[in-house]
PDB file of N, CA and C in Angstrom:
ATOM      1  N   UNK A   1      68.454 -66.337 -28.096  1.00  0.00           N
ATOM      2  CA  UNK A   1      69.822 -65.763 -27.712  1.00  0.00           C
ATOM      3  C   UNK A   1      70.861 -66.447 -28.100  1.00  0.00           C
ATOM      4  N   UNK A   2      72.015 -65.467 -28.688  1.00  0.00           N
ATOM      5  CA  UNK A   2      73.233 -66.281 -29.012  1.00  0.00           C
ATOM      6  C   UNK A   2      74.359 -66.133 -28.075  1.00  0.00           C
ATOM      7  N   UNK A   3      74.824 -67.316 -28.029  1.00  0.00           N
ATOM      8  CA  UNK A   3      76.198 -67.766 -26.687  1.00  0.00           C
ATOM      9  C   UNK A   3      77.416 -68.317 -27.406  1.00  0.00           C
ATOM     10  N   UNK A   4      78.020 -67.371 -27.372  1.00  0.00           N
ATOM     11  CA  UNK A   4      79.676 -68.107 -27.776  1.00  0.00           C
ATOM     12  C   UNK A   4      80.298 -68.576 -26.500  1.00  0.00           C
ATOM     13  N   UNK A   5      80.508 -69.734 -26.671  1.00  0.00           N
ATOM     14  CA  UNK A   5      81.589 -70.558 -25.462  1.00  0.00           C
ATOM     15  C   UNK A   5      82.887 -70.544 -25.660  1.00  0.00           C
ATOM     16  N   UNK A   6      83.934 -70.655 -24.902  1.00  0.00           N
ATOM     17  CA  UNK A   6      85.208 -70.173 -24.123  1.00  0.00           C
ATOM     18  C   UNK A   6      85.848 -70.905 -25.522  1.00  0.00           C
ATOM     19  N   UNK A   7      85.436 -71.721 -26.611  1.00  0.00           N
ATOM     20  CA  UNK A   7      86.084 -71.914 -27.419  1.00  0.00           C
ATOM     21  C   UNK A   7      85.747 -71.153 -28.836  1.00  0.00           C
ATOM     22  N   UNK A   8      85.218 -70.359 -28.578  1.00  0.00           N
ATOM     23  CA  UNK A   8      84.755 -69.363 -29.782  1.00  0.00           C
ATOM     24  C   UNK A   8      83.517 -69.649 -30.681  1.00  0.00           C
ATOM     25  N   UNK A   9      82.858 -70.784 -30.207  1.00  0.00           N
ATOM     26  CA  UNK A   9      81.740 -71.682 -30.990  1.00  0.00           C
ATOM     27  C   UNK A   9      80.771 -70.665 -30.731  1.00  0.00           C
ATOM     28  N   UNK A  10      79.972 -70.282 -31.767  1.00  0.00           N
ATOM     29  CA  UNK A  10      78.429 -69.696 -31.643  1.00  0.00           C
ATOM     30  C   UNK A  10      77.150 -70.292 -31.865  1.00  0.00           C
ATOM     31  N   UNK A  11      76.631 -70.554 -30.686  1.00  0.00           N
ATOM     32  CA  UNK A  11      75.216 -71.355 -30.667  1.00  0.00           C
ATOM     33  C   UNK A  11      74.195 -70.456 -30.149  1.00  0.00           C
ATOM     34  N   UNK A  12      72.825 -70.950 -30.783  1.00  0.00           N
ATOM     35  CA  UNK A  12      71.676 -69.995 -30.797  1.00  0.00           C
ATOM     36  C   UNK A  12      70.857 -70.636 -30.082  1.00  0.00           C
ATOM     37  N   UNK A  13      69.873 -70.215 -29.260  1.00  0.00           N
ATOM     38  CA  UNK A  13      68.612 -70.945 -28.401  1.00  0.00           C
ATOM     39  C   UNK A  13      67.702 -69.898 -28.424  1.00  0.00           C
ATOM     40  N   UNK A  14      66.379 -70.226 -28.468  1.00  0.00           N
ATOM     41  CA  UNK A  14      65.495 -69.603 -27.985  1.00  0.00           C
ATOM     42  C   UNK A  14      65.529 -69.179 -26.171  1.00  0.00           C
ATOM     43  N   UNK A  15      65.068 -68.059 -26.024  1.00  0.00           N
ATOM     44  CA  UNK A  15      65.493 -67.416 -24.821  1.00  0.00           C
ATOM     45  C   UNK A  15      64.659 -68.267 -23.628  1.00  0.00           C
ATOM     46  N   UNK A  16      63.189 -68.579 -24.294  1.00  0.00           N
ATOM     47  CA  UNK A  16      62.374 -69.120 -23.458  1.00  0.00           C
ATOM     48  C   UNK A  16      62.986 -70.451 -22.833  1.00  0.00           C
ATOM     49  N   UNK A  17      63.453 -71.226 -23.810  1.00  0.00           N
ATOM     50  CA  UNK A  17      64.094 -72.475 -22.824  1.00  0.00           C
ATOM     51  C   UNK A  17      65.714 -72.337 -22.832  1.00  0.00           C
ATOM     52  N   UNK A  18      66.185 -71.486 -22.903  1.00  0.00           N
ATOM     53  CA  UNK A  18      67.584 -71.444 -22.583  1.00  0.00           C
ATOM     54  C   UNK A  18      68.011 -71.778 -21.187  1.00  0.00           C
ATOM     55  N   UNK A  19      67.165 -71.418 -20.272  1.00  0.00           N
ATOM     56  CA  UNK A  19      67.803 -71.964 -18.916  1.00  0.00           C
ATOM     57  C   UNK A  19      67.682 -73.156 -18.576  1.00  0.00           C
ATOM     58  N   UNK A  20      66.675 -73.855 -19.538  1.00  0.00           N
ATOM     59  CA  UNK A  20      66.642 -75.376 -19.119  1.00  0.00           C
ATOM     60  C   UNK A  20      67.517 -76.207 -19.898  1.00  0.00           C
ATOM     61  N   UNK A  21      68.608 -75.269 -20.858  1.00  0.00           N
ATOM     62  CA  UNK A  21      69.362 -75.988 -21.654  1.00  0.00           C
ATOM     63  C   UNK A  21      70.208 -77.073 -20.961  1.00  0.00           C
ATOM     64  N   UNK A  22      71.077 -78.039 -21.654  1.00  0.00           N
ATOM     65  CA  UNK A  22      71.641 -79.111 -21.251  1.00  0.00           C
ATOM     66  C   UNK A  22      73.164 -78.405 -21.077  1.00  0.00           C
ATOM     67  N   UNK A  23      72.981 -77.471 -21.773  1.00  0.00           N
ATOM     68  CA  UNK A  23      74.708 -76.659 -21.676  1.00  0.00           C
ATOM     69  C   UNK A  23      74.794 -75.956 -20.607  1.00  0.00           C
ATOM     70  N   UNK A  24      75.507 -76.574 -19.638  1.00  0.00           N
ATOM     71  CA  UNK A  24      75.601 -76.178 -18.163  1.00  0.00           C
ATOM     72  C   UNK A  24      76.369 -74.460 -18.203  1.00  0.00           C
ATOM     73  N   UNK A  25      77.481 -74.744 -18.827  1.00  0.00           N
ATOM     74  CA  UNK A  25      77.865 -73.450 -18.729  1.00  0.00           C
ATOM     75  C   UNK A  25      77.496 -72.175 -19.275  1.00  0.00           C
ATOM     76  N   UNK A  26      76.691 -72.478 -20.214  1.00  0.00           N
ATOM     77  CA  UNK A  26      75.269 -71.404 -20.608  1.00  0.00           C
ATOM     78  C   UNK A  26      74.470 -70.857 -19.651  1.00  0.00           C
ATOM     79  N   UNK A  27      73.713 -72.150 -19.297  1.00  0.00           N
ATOM     80  CA  UNK A  27      73.073 -71.593 -18.090  1.00  0.00           C
ATOM     81  C   UNK A  27      73.466 -71.074 -17.021  1.00  0.00           C
ATOM     82  N   UNK A  28      74.600 -71.366 -16.557  1.00  0.00           N
ATOM     83  CA  UNK A  28      75.168 -70.719 -15.497  1.00  0.00           C
ATOM     84  C   UNK A  28      75.699 -69.235 -15.881  1.00  0.00           C
ATOM     85  N   UNK A  29      76.277 -68.781 -17.014  1.00  0.00           N
ATOM     86  CA  UNK A  29      76.368 -67.708 -17.380  1.00  0.00           C
ATOM     87  C   UNK A  29      75.206 -66.590 -17.256  1.00  0.00           C
ATOM     88  N   UNK A  30      73.718 -67.374 -18.046  1.00  0.00           N
ATOM     89  CA  UNK A  30      72.547 -66.747 -18.311  1.00  0.00           C
ATOM     90  C   UNK A  30      71.767 -66.488 -16.978  1.00  0.00           C
ATOM     91  N   UNK A  31      72.077 -67.492 -15.889  1.00  0.00           N
ATOM     92  CA  UNK A  31      71.864 -66.841 -14.569  1.00  0.00           C
ATOM     93  C   UNK A  31      72.444 -65.920 -13.908  1.00  0.00           C
ATOM     94  N   UNK A  32      73.717 -65.971 -13.998  1.00  0.00           N
ATOM     95  CA  UNK A  32      74.589 -64.662 -13.433  1.00  0.00           C
ATOM     96  C   UNK A  32      74.080 -63.680 -14.169  1.00  0.00           C
ATOM     97  N   UNK A  33      73.705 -63.250 -15.117  1.00  0.00           N
ATOM     98  CA  UNK A  33      73.482 -62.243 -15.954  1.00  0.00           C
ATOM     99  C   UNK A  33      72.005 -61.829 -15.736  1.00  0.00           C
ATOM    100  N   UNK A  34      71.035 -62.976 -15.212  1.00  0.00           N
ATOM    101  CA  UNK A  34      69.723 -62.495 -14.850  1.00  0.00           C
ATOM    102  C   UNK A  34      70.037 -61.920 -13.324  1.00  0.00           C
ATOM    103  N   UNK A  35      70.641 -62.379 -12.455  1.00  0.00           N
ATOM    104  CA  UNK A  35      70.841 -62.189 -11.078  1.00  0.00           C
ATOM    105  C   UNK A  35      71.135 -60.642 -11.113  1.00  0.00           C
ATOM    106  N   UNK A  36      72.017 -60.343 -12.220  1.00  0.00           N
ATOM    107  CA  UNK A  36      72.954 -58.866 -12.263  1.00  0.00           C
ATOM    108  C   UNK A  36      71.772 -57.892 -12.580  1.00  0.00           C
ATOM    109  N   UNK A  37      70.957 -58.187 -13.630  1.00  0.00           N
ATOM    110  CA  UNK A  37      70.058 -57.319 -13.882  1.00  0.00           C
ATOM    111  C   UNK A  37      69.115 -57.135 -12.793  1.00  0.00           C
ATOM    112  N   UNK A  38      68.686 -58.302 -12.388  1.00  0.00           N
ATOM    113  CA  UNK A  38      67.412 -58.031 -11.272  1.00  0.00           C
ATOM    114  C   UNK A  38      67.948 -57.403 -10.201  1.00  0.00           C
ATOM    115  N   UNK A  39      69.383 -57.625  -9.561  1.00  0.00           N
ATOM    116  CA  UNK A  39      69.792 -56.442  -8.567  1.00  0.00           C
ATOM    117  C   UNK A  39      69.624 -55.189  -9.067  1.00  0.00           C
ATOM    118  N   UNK A  40      70.132 -54.828 -10.299  1.00  0.00           N
ATOM    119  CA  UNK A  40      70.407 -53.357 -10.791  1.00  0.00           C
ATOM    120  C   UNK A  40      68.831 -52.673 -10.804  1.00  0.00           C
ATOM    121  N   UNK A  41      67.634 -53.595 -11.019  1.00  0.00           N
ATOM    122  CA  UNK A  41      66.552 -52.986 -11.418  1.00  0.00           C
ATOM    123  C   UNK A  41      66.005 -52.939  -9.746  1.00  0.00           C
ATOM    124  N   UNK A  42      66.163 -53.869  -9.150  1.00  0.00           N
ATOM    125  CA  UNK A  42      65.705 -53.647  -7.636  1.00  0.00           C
ATOM    126  C   UNK A  42      66.365 -52.464  -6.996  1.00  0.00           C
ATOM    127  N   UNK A  43      67.486 -52.185  -7.676  1.00  0.00           N
ATOM    128  CA  UNK A  43      68.489 -50.705  -6.570  1.00  0.00           C
ATOM    129  C   UNK A  43      67.518 -49.734  -7.270  1.00  0.00           C
ATOM    130  N   UNK A  44      67.375 -49.418  -8.661  1.00  0.00           N
ATOM    131  CA  UNK A  44      66.889 -48.357  -9.077  1.00  0.00           C
ATOM    132  C   UNK A  44      65.450 -48.408  -8.676  1.00  0.00           C
ATOM    133  N   UNK A  45      64.700 -49.285  -8.304  1.00  0.00           N
ATOM    134  CA  UNK A  45      63.357 -48.902  -7.709  1.00  0.00           C
ATOM    135  C   UNK A  45      63.217 -48.681  -6.296  1.00  0.00           C
ATOM    136  N   UNK A  46      64.476 -48.836  -5.423  1.00  0.00           N
ATOM    137  CA  UNK A  46      64.561 -48.139  -4.329  1.00  0.00           C
ATOM    138  C   UNK A  46      65.187 -46.693  -4.310  1.00  0.00           C
ATOM    139  N   UNK A  47      66.059 -46.711  -5.029  1.00  0.00           N
ATOM    140  CA  UNK A  47      66.733 -45.349  -5.433  1.00  0.00           C
ATOM    141  C   UNK A  47      65.263 -44.470  -5.900  1.00  0.00           C
ATOM    142  N   UNK A  48      64.316 -44.887  -6.765  1.00  0.00           N
ATOM    143  CA  UNK A  48      63.164 -44.305  -7.121  1.00  0.00           C
ATOM    144  C   UNK A  48      62.420 -43.690  -5.675  1.00  0.00           C
ATOM    145  N   UNK A  49      62.131 -44.770  -4.903  1.00  0.00           N
ATOM    146  CA  UNK A  49      61.280 -44.193  -3.920  1.00  0.00           C
ATOM    147  C   UNK A  49      61.795 -43.548  -2.856  1.00  0.00           C
ATOM    148  N   UNK A  50      63.129 -43.890  -2.596  1.00  0.00           N
ATOM    149  CA  UNK A  50      63.554 -43.184  -1.432  1.00  0.00           C
ATOM    150  C   UNK A  50      63.848 -41.684  -1.937  1.00  0.00           C
ATOM    151  N   UNK A  51      63.935 -41.349  -3.512  1.00  0.00           N
ATOM    152  CA  UNK A  51      64.238 -39.766  -3.794  1.00  0.00           C
ATOM    153  C   UNK A  51      63.232 -39.005  -3.476  1.00  0.00           C
ATOM    154  N   UNK A  52      61.700 -39.782  -3.598  1.00  0.00           N
ATOM    155  CA  UNK A  52      60.531 -38.919  -3.149  1.00  0.00           C
ATOM    156  C   UNK A  52      60.190 -38.920  -1.664  1.00  0.00           C
ATOM    157  N   UNK A  53      60.844 -39.595  -0.768  1.00  0.00           N
ATOM    158  CA  UNK A  53      60.183 -39.497   0.521  1.00  0.00           C
ATOM    159  C   UNK A  53      61.186 -38.109   1.273  1.00  0.00           C
ATOM    160  N   UNK A  54      60.731 -37.630   2.284  1.00  0.00           N
ATOM    161  CA  UNK A  54      61.329 -36.239   2.676  1.00  0.00           C
ATOM    162  C   UNK A  54      62.696 -36.631   3.549  1.00  0.00           C
ATOM    163  N   UNK A  55      63.932 -35.964   3.011  1.00  0.00           N
ATOM    164  CA  UNK A  55      65.081 -35.985   3.407  1.00  0.00           C
ATOM    165  C   UNK A  55      65.972 -37.205   2.525  1.00  0.00           C
ATOM    166  N   UNK A  56      65.179 -37.572   1.162  1.00  0.00           N
ATOM    167  CA  UNK A  56      65.762 -38.411   0.510  1.00  0.00           C
ATOM    168  C   UNK A  56      66.698 -37.776  -0.413  1.00  0.00           C
ATOM    169  N   UNK A  57      67.364 -38.708  -1.605  1.00  0.00           N
ATOM    170  CA  UNK A  57      68.333 -37.918  -2.163  1.00  0.00           C
ATOM    171  C   UNK A  57      68.058 -36.953  -3.048  1.00  0.00           C
ATOM    172  N   UNK A  58      66.602 -36.491  -3.184  1.00  0.00           N
ATOM    173  CA  UNK A  58      66.242 -35.642  -4.423  1.00  0.00           C
ATOM    174  C   UNK A  58      64.583 -35.608  -4.007  1.00  0.00           C
ATOM    175  N   UNK A  59      64.061 -34.895  -5.037  1.00  0.00           N
ATOM    176  CA  UNK A  59      62.738 -34.544  -4.764  1.00  0.00           C
ATOM    177  C   UNK A  59      62.230 -33.395  -4.359  1.00  0.00           C
ATOM    178  N   UNK A  60      61.257 -33.239  -3.750  1.00  0.00           N
ATOM    179  CA  UNK A  60      60.802 -31.935  -3.199  1.00  0.00           C
ATOM    180  C   UNK A  60      60.560 -32.224  -1.420  1.00  0.00           C
ATOM    181  N   UNK A  61      61.288 -33.171  -0.971  1.00  0.00           N
ATOM    182  CA  UNK A  61      61.188 -33.523   0.734  1.00  0.00           C
ATOM    183  C   UNK A  61      61.940 -32.156   1.100  1.00  0.00           C
ATOM    184  N   UNK A  62      62.409 -32.291   2.352  1.00  0.00           N
ATOM    185  CA  UNK A  62      62.975 -31.194   3.248  1.00  0.00           C
ATOM    186  C   UNK A  62      64.306 -31.807   3.400  1.00  0.00           C
ATOM    187  N   UNK A  63      64.749 -32.126   2.690  1.00  0.00           N
ATOM    188  CA  UNK A  63      66.563 -32.809   2.555  1.00  0.00           C
ATOM    189  C   UNK A  63      67.288 -31.676   2.524  1.00  0.00           C
ATOM    190  N   UNK A  64      68.721 -31.683   2.923  1.00  0.00           N
ATOM    191  CA  UNK A  64      69.394 -30.696   2.458  1.00  0.00           C
ATOM    192  C   UNK A  64      70.373 -30.715   1.264  1.00  0.00           C
ATOM    193  N   UNK A  65      69.856 -31.171   0.117  1.00  0.00           N
ATOM    194  CA  UNK A  65      70.453 -31.461  -1.055  1.00  0.00           C
ATOM    195  C   UNK A  65      70.465 -30.111  -1.868  1.00  0.00           C
ATOM    196  N   UNK A  66      69.646 -29.177  -1.659  1.00  0.00           N
ATOM    197  CA  UNK A  66      69.883 -27.839  -2.381  1.00  0.00           C
ATOM    198  C   UNK A  66      70.821 -27.137  -1.946  1.00  0.00           C
ATOM    199  N   UNK A  67      71.744 -26.225  -2.774  1.00  0.00           N
ATOM    200  CA  UNK A  67      72.515 -25.374  -2.701  1.00  0.00           C
ATOM    201  C   UNK A  67      71.633 -24.101  -1.646  1.00  0.00           C
ATOM    202  N   UNK A  68      72.712 -23.371  -0.972  1.00  0.00           N
ATOM    203  CA  UNK A  68      71.968 -22.269  -0.216  1.00  0.00           C
ATOM    204  C   UNK A  68      73.218 -21.372   0.066  1.00  0.00           C
ATOM    205  N   UNK A  69      72.942 -19.825   0.118  1.00  0.00           N
ATOM    206  CA  UNK A  69      73.804 -19.094   0.099  1.00  0.00           C
ATOM    207  C   UNK A  69      74.149 -18.656   1.655  1.00  0.00           C
ATOM    208  N   UNK A  70      74.934 -17.754   1.956  1.00  0.00           N
ATOM    209  CA  UNK A  70      75.468 -17.258   3.173  1.00  0.00           C
ATOM    210  C   UNK A  70      74.277 -17.305   4.226  1.00  0.00           C
ATOM    211  N   UNK A  71      72.979 -16.805   3.813  1.00  0.00           N
ATOM    212  CA  UNK A  71      72.151 -16.465   4.712  1.00  0.00           C
ATOM    213  C   UNK A  71      71.408 -18.214   4.866  1.00  0.00           C
ATOM    214  N   UNK A  72      71.396 -19.037   4.097  1.00  0.00           N
ATOM    215  CA  UNK A  72      71.104 -20.370   4.398  1.00  0.00           C
ATOM    216  C   UNK A  72      69.575 -19.880   3.572  1.00  0.00           C
ATOM    217  N   UNK A  73      69.531 -19.139   2.462  1.00  0.00           N
ATOM    218  CA  UNK A  73      68.231 -19.152   1.648  1.00  0.00           C
ATOM    219  C   UNK A  73      69.022 -19.979   0.711  1.00  0.00           C
ATOM    220  N   UNK A  74      67.960 -20.163  -0.501  1.00  0.00           N
ATOM    221  CA  UNK A  74      68.658 -20.970  -1.693  1.00  0.00           C
ATOM    222  C   UNK A  74      69.193 -20.276  -2.727  1.00  0.00           C
ATOM    223  N   UNK A  75      70.124 -20.408  -3.258  1.00  0.00           N
ATOM    224  CA  UNK A  75      71.059 -19.628  -3.981  1.00  0.00           C
ATOM    225  C   UNK A  75      70.910 -20.031  -5.246  1.00  0.00           C
ATOM    226  N   UNK A  76      70.513 -18.772  -6.028  1.00  0.00           N
ATOM    227  CA  UNK A  76      70.606 -19.009  -7.755  1.00  0.00           C
ATOM    228  C   UNK A  76      71.466 -18.600  -8.689  1.00  0.00           C
ATOM    229  N   UNK A  77      72.511 -17.934  -7.828  1.00  0.00           N
ATOM    230  CA  UNK A  77      73.465 -17.408  -8.623  1.00  0.00           C
ATOM    231  C   UNK A  77      74.476 -18.880  -9.043  1.00  0.00           C
ATOM    232  N   UNK A  78      75.203 -18.787  -9.789  1.00  0.00           N
ATOM    233  CA  UNK A  78      75.909 -19.682 -10.792  1.00  0.00           C
ATOM    234  C   UNK A  78      77.143 -19.869 -10.023  1.00  0.00           C
ATOM    235  N   UNK A  79      77.953 -20.641  -9.765  1.00  0.00           N
ATOM    236  CA  UNK A  79      79.848 -20.495  -9.049  1.00  0.00           C
ATOM    237  C   UNK A  79      80.189 -19.943 -10.224  1.00  0.00           C
ATOM    238  N   UNK A  80      81.308 -19.184  -9.777  1.00  0.00           N
ATOM    239  CA  UNK A  80      82.210 -18.598 -10.810  1.00  0.00           C
ATOM    240  C   UNK A  80      83.456 -19.602 -10.873  1.00  0.00           C
ATOM    241  N   UNK A  81      83.905 -19.847 -11.975  1.00  0.00           N
ATOM    242  CA  UNK A  81      84.893 -20.551 -12.504  1.00  0.00           C
ATOM    243  C   UNK A  81      86.356 -19.843 -12.174  1.00  0.00           C
TER     244      UNK A  81
END
């Protein structure tokens, strides 16, 4: 991985050992980035599981996410502009 410090100096480390580096500023930034990516991936998994459950945000459940006409039946007509 390539790291650019606050002085603009470019340093390259193997990703496998970057977290154990003596460069505390880089280790802190790397940990922060890892936490953000982990959080994003975990939220994506939760969304995927919720969307397939009945009443979820999508999928074939019994939720109310589909468009309906005046009679309550699904509408196939496109809205007019």
